[in-house]
């Protein structure tokens, strides 16, 4: 839980982080970039290990003039030089908002590669039946309950578009186990079983 005093300090002073708590991630992928006046919001996905399972986390980095951004050669660049698909190393505050995805003050972003290397022969669209829905942790699992190798886990965030059979937008909570869906997802996948990736668009069939 974010302490209210720490949050006020975080908003008013971009270099303050409680107890110097800084999160460093490597090989994160830029999923979305949004500019609002002098502040930019860069959403990245990165992998974390939870026991023997590798999970994908999302965080929106709040980038301002105090954020240091460098290219692969180590030269300073602008946030507008970043593009969706860039692979970056990032350092950001451990103080985050409760939004989905959470927001955090970015201290440093370094471009590692211009774009992620997609897995060979890995389709970006999956059609299967919903096996499980977890609205609390924002993910759903497709596949056969009796065959773990057929299953895939999709992270659903506020950037995921969900449509019913008529093409109308619906919420994540409108989905039900047993429904047949088509999922357009990100180009990356975790090495966990079942594999995990981020859902970009979901259509109920």
C-alpha atoms as a PDB file:
ATOM      1  CA  UNK A   1       0.000   0.000   0.000  1.00  0.00           C
ATOM      2  CA  UNK A   2       1.291   3.469  -0.908  1.00  0.00           C
ATOM      3  CA  UNK A   3       1.793   5.775   2.030  1.00  0.00           C
ATOM      4  CA  UNK A   4      -0.071   9.066   1.390  1.00  0.00           C
ATOM      5  CA  UNK A   5       2.857  11.243   2.482  1.00  0.00           C
ATOM      6  CA  UNK A   6       5.259   9.276   0.281  1.00  0.00           C
ATOM      7  CA  UNK A   7       2.879   9.643  -2.645  1.00  0.00           C
ATOM      8  CA  UNK A   8       2.712  13.439  -2.215  1.00  0.00           C
ATOM      9  CA  UNK A   9       6.506  13.581  -2.084  1.00  0.00           C
ATOM     10  CA  UNK A  10       6.679  11.364  -5.180  1.00  0.00           C
ATOM     11  CA  UNK A  11       4.369  13.664  -7.159  1.00  0.00           C
ATOM     12  CA  UNK A  12       6.130  16.881  -6.114  1.00  0.00           C
ATOM     13  CA  UNK A  13       9.728  15.690  -6.325  1.00  0.00           C
ATOM     14  CA  UNK A  14      10.715  13.390  -9.186  1.00  0.00           C
ATOM     15  CA  UNK A  15      13.962  12.262  -7.564  1.00  0.00           C
ATOM     16  CA  UNK A  16      12.530  11.170  -4.220  1.00  0.00           C
ATOM     17  CA  UNK A  17      11.715   7.523  -3.642  1.00  0.00           C
ATOM     18  CA  UNK A  18      10.929   6.128  -0.185  1.00  0.00           C
ATOM     19  CA  UNK A  19      13.978   4.385   1.206  1.00  0.00           C
ATOM     20  CA  UNK A  20      15.597   4.893  -2.219  1.00  0.00           C
ATOM     21  CA  UNK A  21      13.438   2.027  -3.472  1.00  0.00           C
ATOM     22  CA  UNK A  22      14.182   1.687  -7.171  1.00  0.00           C
ATOM     23  CA  UNK A  23      13.070  -1.117  -9.460  1.00  0.00           C
ATOM     24  CA  UNK A  24      15.467  -2.074 -12.267  1.00  0.00           C
ATOM     25  CA  UNK A  25      14.257  -4.236 -15.153  1.00  0.00           C
ATOM     26  CA  UNK A  26      16.082  -5.530 -18.208  1.00  0.00           C
ATOM     27  CA  UNK A  27      14.823  -6.363 -21.696  1.00  0.00           C
ATOM     28  CA  UNK A  28      11.418  -4.761 -21.177  1.00  0.00           C
ATOM     29  CA  UNK A  29       9.243  -4.127 -24.230  1.00  0.00           C
ATOM     30  CA  UNK A  30       7.539  -0.796 -24.913  1.00  0.00           C
ATOM     31  CA  UNK A  31       3.839  -1.563 -25.423  1.00  0.00           C
ATOM     32  CA  UNK A  32       2.368   1.944 -25.695  1.00  0.00           C
ATOM     33  CA  UNK A  33       3.471   5.587 -25.682  1.00  0.00           C
ATOM     34  CA  UNK A  34       1.220   8.537 -24.863  1.00  0.00           C
ATOM     35  CA  UNK A  35       2.234  12.201 -24.740  1.00  0.00           C
ATOM     36  CA  UNK A  36       0.411  14.817 -22.658  1.00  0.00           C
ATOM     37  CA  UNK A  37       1.980  18.294 -22.782  1.00  0.00           C
ATOM     38  CA  UNK A  38       5.379  18.006 -21.063  1.00  0.00           C
ATOM     39  CA  UNK A  39       4.740  14.566 -19.609  1.00  0.00           C
ATOM     40  CA  UNK A  40       4.855  11.281 -21.487  1.00  0.00           C
ATOM     41  CA  UNK A  41       3.570   7.884 -20.442  1.00  0.00           C
ATOM     42  CA  UNK A  42       5.494   4.845 -21.632  1.00  0.00           C
ATOM     43  CA  UNK A  43       3.922   1.460 -20.862  1.00  0.00           C
ATOM     44  CA  UNK A  44       6.375  -1.414 -20.739  1.00  0.00           C
ATOM     45  CA  UNK A  45       6.045  -5.153 -20.180  1.00  0.00           C
ATOM     46  CA  UNK A  46       8.745  -7.134 -18.417  1.00  0.00           C
ATOM     47  CA  UNK A  47       9.253 -10.611 -17.036  1.00  0.00           C
ATOM     48  CA  UNK A  48       9.457 -11.565 -13.375  1.00  0.00           C
ATOM     49  CA  UNK A  49       9.965 -14.970 -11.821  1.00  0.00           C
ATOM     50  CA  UNK A  50       7.401 -16.195  -9.307  1.00  0.00           C
ATOM     51  CA  UNK A  51       8.779 -19.445  -7.917  1.00  0.00           C
ATOM     52  CA  UNK A  52       9.106 -21.604 -11.067  1.00  0.00           C
ATOM     53  CA  UNK A  53       6.768 -19.512 -13.208  1.00  0.00           C
ATOM     54  CA  UNK A  54       7.823 -16.562 -15.330  1.00  0.00           C
ATOM     55  CA  UNK A  55       5.133 -13.877 -15.386  1.00  0.00           C
ATOM     56  CA  UNK A  56       4.737 -10.760 -17.468  1.00  0.00           C
ATOM     57  CA  UNK A  57       4.153  -7.496 -15.609  1.00  0.00           C
ATOM     58  CA  UNK A  58       2.994  -4.171 -17.012  1.00  0.00           C
ATOM     59  CA  UNK A  59       3.850  -0.714 -15.706  1.00  0.00           C
ATOM     60  CA  UNK A  60       3.317   2.747 -17.159  1.00  0.00           C
ATOM     61  CA  UNK A  61       6.413   4.895 -16.726  1.00  0.00           C
ATOM     62  CA  UNK A  62       5.795   8.589 -16.134  1.00  0.00           C
ATOM     63  CA  UNK A  63       8.505  10.310 -18.168  1.00  0.00           C
ATOM     64  CA  UNK A  64       9.363  13.976 -17.724  1.00  0.00           C
ATOM     65  CA  UNK A  65      12.381  16.252 -18.228  1.00  0.00           C
ATOM     66  CA  UNK A  66      14.145  14.650 -15.270  1.00  0.00           C
ATOM     67  CA  UNK A  67      14.079  11.181 -16.833  1.00  0.00           C
ATOM     68  CA  UNK A  68      17.369  10.155 -18.447  1.00  0.00           C
ATOM     69  CA  UNK A  69      16.834   8.411 -21.796  1.00  0.00           C
ATOM     70  CA  UNK A  70      19.709   6.936 -23.793  1.00  0.00           C
ATOM     71  CA  UNK A  71      20.035   5.097 -27.081  1.00  0.00           C
ATOM     72  CA  UNK A  72      22.116   1.983 -27.725  1.00  0.00           C
ATOM     73  CA  UNK A  73      25.241   4.113 -28.095  1.00  0.00           C
ATOM     74  CA  UNK A  74      24.687   5.721 -24.693  1.00  0.00           C
ATOM     75  CA  UNK A  75      23.725   9.110 -26.110  1.00  0.00           C
ATOM     76  CA  UNK A  76      20.897  11.159 -24.628  1.00  0.00           C
ATOM     77  CA  UNK A  77      17.716  11.079 -26.690  1.00  0.00           C
ATOM     78  CA  UNK A  78      14.175  12.422 -26.365  1.00  0.00           C
ATOM     79  CA  UNK A  79      11.168  10.404 -25.241  1.00  0.00           C
ATOM     80  CA  UNK A  80       9.772  11.054 -28.721  1.00  0.00           C
ATOM     81  CA  UNK A  81      12.639   9.010 -30.150  1.00  0.00           C
ATOM     82  CA  UNK A  82      11.211   5.940 -28.415  1.00  0.00           C
ATOM     83  CA  UNK A  83       8.844   3.718 -30.387  1.00  0.00           C
ATOM     84  CA  UNK A  84       6.471   0.878 -29.580  1.00  0.00           C
ATOM     85  CA  UNK A  85       8.380  -2.400 -29.788  1.00  0.00           C
ATOM     86  CA  UNK A  86      11.686  -0.998 -28.492  1.00  0.00           C
ATOM     87  CA  UNK A  87      13.457  -3.283 -26.020  1.00  0.00           C
ATOM     88  CA  UNK A  88      14.713  -1.233 -23.067  1.00  0.00           C
ATOM     89  CA  UNK A  89      16.326  -1.414 -19.667  1.00  0.00           C
ATOM     90  CA  UNK A  90      14.482   0.791 -17.176  1.00  0.00           C
ATOM     91  CA  UNK A  91      14.851   2.126 -13.651  1.00  0.00           C
ATOM     92  CA  UNK A  92      11.751   3.459 -11.928  1.00  0.00           C
ATOM     93  CA  UNK A  93      10.323   4.170  -8.502  1.00  0.00           C
ATOM     94  CA  UNK A  94       8.876   1.396  -6.378  1.00  0.00           C
ATOM     95  CA  UNK A  95       6.108   3.844  -5.410  1.00  0.00           C
ATOM     96  CA  UNK A  96       3.232   3.130  -7.783  1.00  0.00           C
ATOM     97  CA  UNK A  97      -0.386   4.058  -8.275  1.00  0.00           C
ATOM     98  CA  UNK A  98      -3.147   1.477  -7.858  1.00  0.00           C
ATOM     99  CA  UNK A  99      -4.251   1.802 -11.472  1.00  0.00           C
ATOM    100  CA  UNK A 100      -4.078  -1.035 -13.996  1.00  0.00           C
ATOM    101  CA  UNK A 101      -1.391  -0.984 -15.155  1.00  0.00           C
ATOM    102  CA  UNK A 102       0.247   0.889 -12.254  1.00  0.00           C
ATOM    103  CA  UNK A 103       2.106   4.140 -12.910  1.00  0.00           C
ATOM    104  CA  UNK A 104       5.584   4.886 -11.619  1.00  0.00           C
ATOM    105  CA  UNK A 105       8.092   7.724 -11.969  1.00  0.00           C
ATOM    106  CA  UNK A 106      10.784   6.799 -14.519  1.00  0.00           C
ATOM    107  CA  UNK A 107      14.385   7.577 -13.598  1.00  0.00           C
ATOM    108  CA  UNK A 108      16.232   6.083 -16.570  1.00  0.00           C
ATOM    109  CA  UNK A 109      15.366   4.322 -19.843  1.00  0.00           C
ATOM    110  CA  UNK A 110      18.032   2.789 -22.066  1.00  0.00           C
ATOM    111  CA  UNK A 111      17.249   1.353 -25.486  1.00  0.00           C
ATOM    112  CA  UNK A 112      18.759  -2.127 -25.842  1.00  0.00           C
ATOM    113  CA  UNK A 113      17.280  -3.126 -29.206  1.00  0.00           C
ATOM    114  CA  UNK A 114      15.134  -1.298 -31.712  1.00  0.00           C
ATOM    115  CA  UNK A 115      12.501  -4.050 -31.704  1.00  0.00           C
ATOM    116  CA  UNK A 116      11.722  -7.315 -30.006  1.00  0.00           C
ATOM    117  CA  UNK A 117      12.693 -10.510 -31.802  1.00  0.00           C
ATOM    118  CA  UNK A 118       9.429 -12.364 -32.437  1.00  0.00           C
ATOM    119  CA  UNK A 119       9.395 -16.096 -31.875  1.00  0.00           C
ATOM    120  CA  UNK A 120       9.652 -18.009 -35.182  1.00  0.00           C
ATOM    121  CA  UNK A 121       6.423 -19.419 -36.595  1.00  0.00           C
ATOM    122  CA  UNK A 122       4.489 -18.102 -33.604  1.00  0.00           C
ATOM    123  CA  UNK A 123       1.059 -16.845 -34.648  1.00  0.00           C
ATOM    124  CA  UNK A 124      -0.273 -13.647 -33.116  1.00  0.00           C
ATOM    125  CA  UNK A 125      -3.874 -14.873 -33.166  1.00  0.00           C
ATOM    126  CA  UNK A 126      -5.310 -17.728 -31.118  1.00  0.00           C
ATOM    127  CA  UNK A 127      -8.840 -19.135 -31.347  1.00  0.00           C
ATOM    128  CA  UNK A 128      -9.844 -21.306 -28.418  1.00  0.00           C
ATOM    129  CA  UNK A 129     -12.324 -21.718 -25.604  1.00  0.00           C
ATOM    130  CA  UNK A 130     -12.028 -19.841 -22.300  1.00  0.00           C
ATOM    131  CA  UNK A 131     -11.024 -22.278 -19.562  1.00  0.00           C
ATOM    132  CA  UNK A 132     -10.569 -19.878 -16.650  1.00  0.00           C
ATOM    133  CA  UNK A 133     -11.111 -16.191 -15.888  1.00  0.00           C
ATOM    134  CA  UNK A 134      -9.455 -14.322 -13.023  1.00  0.00           C
ATOM    135  CA  UNK A 135     -10.844 -10.771 -12.860  1.00  0.00           C
ATOM    136  CA  UNK A 136      -8.940 -10.023  -9.663  1.00  0.00           C
ATOM    137  CA  UNK A 137      -5.526 -10.647 -11.215  1.00  0.00           C
ATOM    138  CA  UNK A 138      -6.606  -9.678 -14.733  1.00  0.00           C
ATOM    139  CA  UNK A 139      -5.902 -12.761 -16.770  1.00  0.00           C
ATOM    140  CA  UNK A 140      -7.733 -15.516 -18.596  1.00  0.00           C
ATOM    141  CA  UNK A 141      -6.667 -18.994 -19.648  1.00  0.00           C
ATOM    142  CA  UNK A 142      -7.742 -20.753 -22.843  1.00  0.00           C
ATOM    143  CA  UNK A 143      -7.438 -24.405 -23.809  1.00  0.00           C
ATOM    144  CA  UNK A 144      -8.381 -27.872 -22.645  1.00  0.00           C
ATOM    145  CA  UNK A 145      -8.509 -28.333 -18.835  1.00  0.00           C
ATOM    146  CA  UNK A 146      -7.191 -31.878 -19.309  1.00  0.00           C
ATOM    147  CA  UNK A 147      -4.274 -30.883 -21.551  1.00  0.00           C
ATOM    148  CA  UNK A 148      -1.947 -28.283 -20.064  1.00  0.00           C
ATOM    149  CA  UNK A 149       0.087 -28.163 -23.281  1.00  0.00           C
ATOM    150  CA  UNK A 150      -2.963 -26.748 -25.096  1.00  0.00           C
ATOM    151  CA  UNK A 151      -3.434 -23.916 -22.614  1.00  0.00           C
ATOM    152  CA  UNK A 152      -2.385 -20.265 -22.907  1.00  0.00           C
ATOM    153  CA  UNK A 153      -2.603 -17.525 -20.321  1.00  0.00           C
ATOM    154  CA  UNK A 154      -3.445 -13.999 -21.483  1.00  0.00           C
ATOM    155  CA  UNK A 155      -2.861 -10.869 -19.401  1.00  0.00           C
ATOM    156  CA  UNK A 156      -5.771  -8.452 -19.841  1.00  0.00           C
ATOM    157  CA  UNK A 157      -5.160  -4.764 -19.106  1.00  0.00           C
ATOM    158  CA  UNK A 158      -6.908  -1.465 -19.770  1.00  0.00           C
ATOM    159  CA  UNK A 159      -5.361  -1.379 -23.236  1.00  0.00           C
ATOM    160  CA  UNK A 160      -7.017  -4.663 -24.214  1.00  0.00           C
ATOM    161  CA  UNK A 161     -10.008  -4.206 -26.512  1.00  0.00           C
ATOM    162  CA  UNK A 162     -12.836  -6.725 -25.974  1.00  0.00           C
ATOM    163  CA  UNK A 163     -15.746  -7.152 -28.395  1.00  0.00           C
ATOM    164  CA  UNK A 164     -18.879  -9.286 -28.373  1.00  0.00           C
ATOM    165  CA  UNK A 165     -20.295 -11.164 -31.386  1.00  0.00           C
ATOM    166  CA  UNK A 166     -21.897  -7.994 -32.731  1.00  0.00           C
ATOM    167  CA  UNK A 167     -18.650  -6.071 -32.584  1.00  0.00           C
ATOM    168  CA  UNK A 168     -19.682  -3.967 -29.605  1.00  0.00           C
ATOM    169  CA  UNK A 169     -17.179  -3.228 -26.873  1.00  0.00           C
ATOM    170  CA  UNK A 170     -17.680  -5.148 -23.641  1.00  0.00           C
ATOM    171  CA  UNK A 171     -15.791  -5.348 -20.356  1.00  0.00           C
ATOM    172  CA  UNK A 172     -13.525  -8.110 -19.124  1.00  0.00           C
ATOM    173  CA  UNK A 173     -16.181  -9.051 -16.564  1.00  0.00           C
ATOM    174  CA  UNK A 174     -18.624  -9.823 -19.382  1.00  0.00           C
ATOM    175  CA  UNK A 175     -16.551 -12.805 -20.522  1.00  0.00           C
ATOM    176  CA  UNK A 176     -17.468 -16.279 -19.282  1.00  0.00           C
ATOM    177  CA  UNK A 177     -15.673 -19.649 -19.117  1.00  0.00           C
ATOM    178  CA  UNK A 178     -16.701 -21.854 -22.023  1.00  0.00           C
ATOM    179  CA  UNK A 179     -16.965 -19.022 -24.551  1.00  0.00           C
ATOM    180  CA  UNK A 180     -15.080 -19.396 -27.824  1.00  0.00           C
ATOM    181  CA  UNK A 181     -12.845 -16.389 -28.416  1.00  0.00           C
ATOM    182  CA  UNK A 182     -10.268 -15.085 -30.844  1.00  0.00           C
ATOM    183  CA  UNK A 183      -7.289 -13.382 -29.166  1.00  0.00           C
ATOM    184  CA  UNK A 184      -4.802 -11.131 -30.917  1.00  0.00           C
ATOM    185  CA  UNK A 185      -1.759 -10.966 -28.662  1.00  0.00           C
ATOM    186  CA  UNK A 186       1.734  -9.523 -28.309  1.00  0.00           C
ATOM    187  CA  UNK A 187       4.767 -10.980 -30.112  1.00  0.00           C
ATOM    188  CA  UNK A 188       6.424 -12.248 -26.939  1.00  0.00           C
ATOM    189  CA  UNK A 189       5.668 -15.277 -24.785  1.00  0.00           C
ATOM    190  CA  UNK A 190       6.995 -16.470 -21.442  1.00  0.00           C
ATOM    191  CA  UNK A 191       8.719 -19.824 -21.034  1.00  0.00           C
ATOM    192  CA  UNK A 192       6.239 -20.888 -18.359  1.00  0.00           C
ATOM    193  CA  UNK A 193       3.667 -23.681 -18.642  1.00  0.00           C
ATOM    194  CA  UNK A 194       1.180 -22.565 -19.733  1.00  0.00           C
ATOM    195  CA  UNK A 195       2.921 -19.806 -21.689  1.00  0.00           C
ATOM    196  CA  UNK A 196       1.808 -16.258 -20.971  1.00  0.00           C
ATOM    197  CA  UNK A 197       1.462 -13.208 -23.181  1.00  0.00           C
ATOM    198  CA  UNK A 198      -0.528  -9.970 -23.295  1.00  0.00           C
ATOM    199  CA  UNK A 199      -3.919  -9.840 -25.009  1.00  0.00           C
ATOM    200  CA  UNK A 200      -4.304  -6.886 -27.364  1.00  0.00           C
ATOM    201  CA  UNK A 201      -7.759  -7.613 -28.785  1.00  0.00           C
ATOM    202  CA  UNK A 202     -10.362 -10.226 -27.824  1.00  0.00           C
ATOM    203  CA  UNK A 203     -13.404 -11.129 -29.907  1.00  0.00           C
ATOM    204  CA  UNK A 204     -16.217 -13.416 -28.707  1.00  0.00           C
ATOM    205  CA  UNK A 205     -17.055 -15.875 -31.525  1.00  0.00           C
END
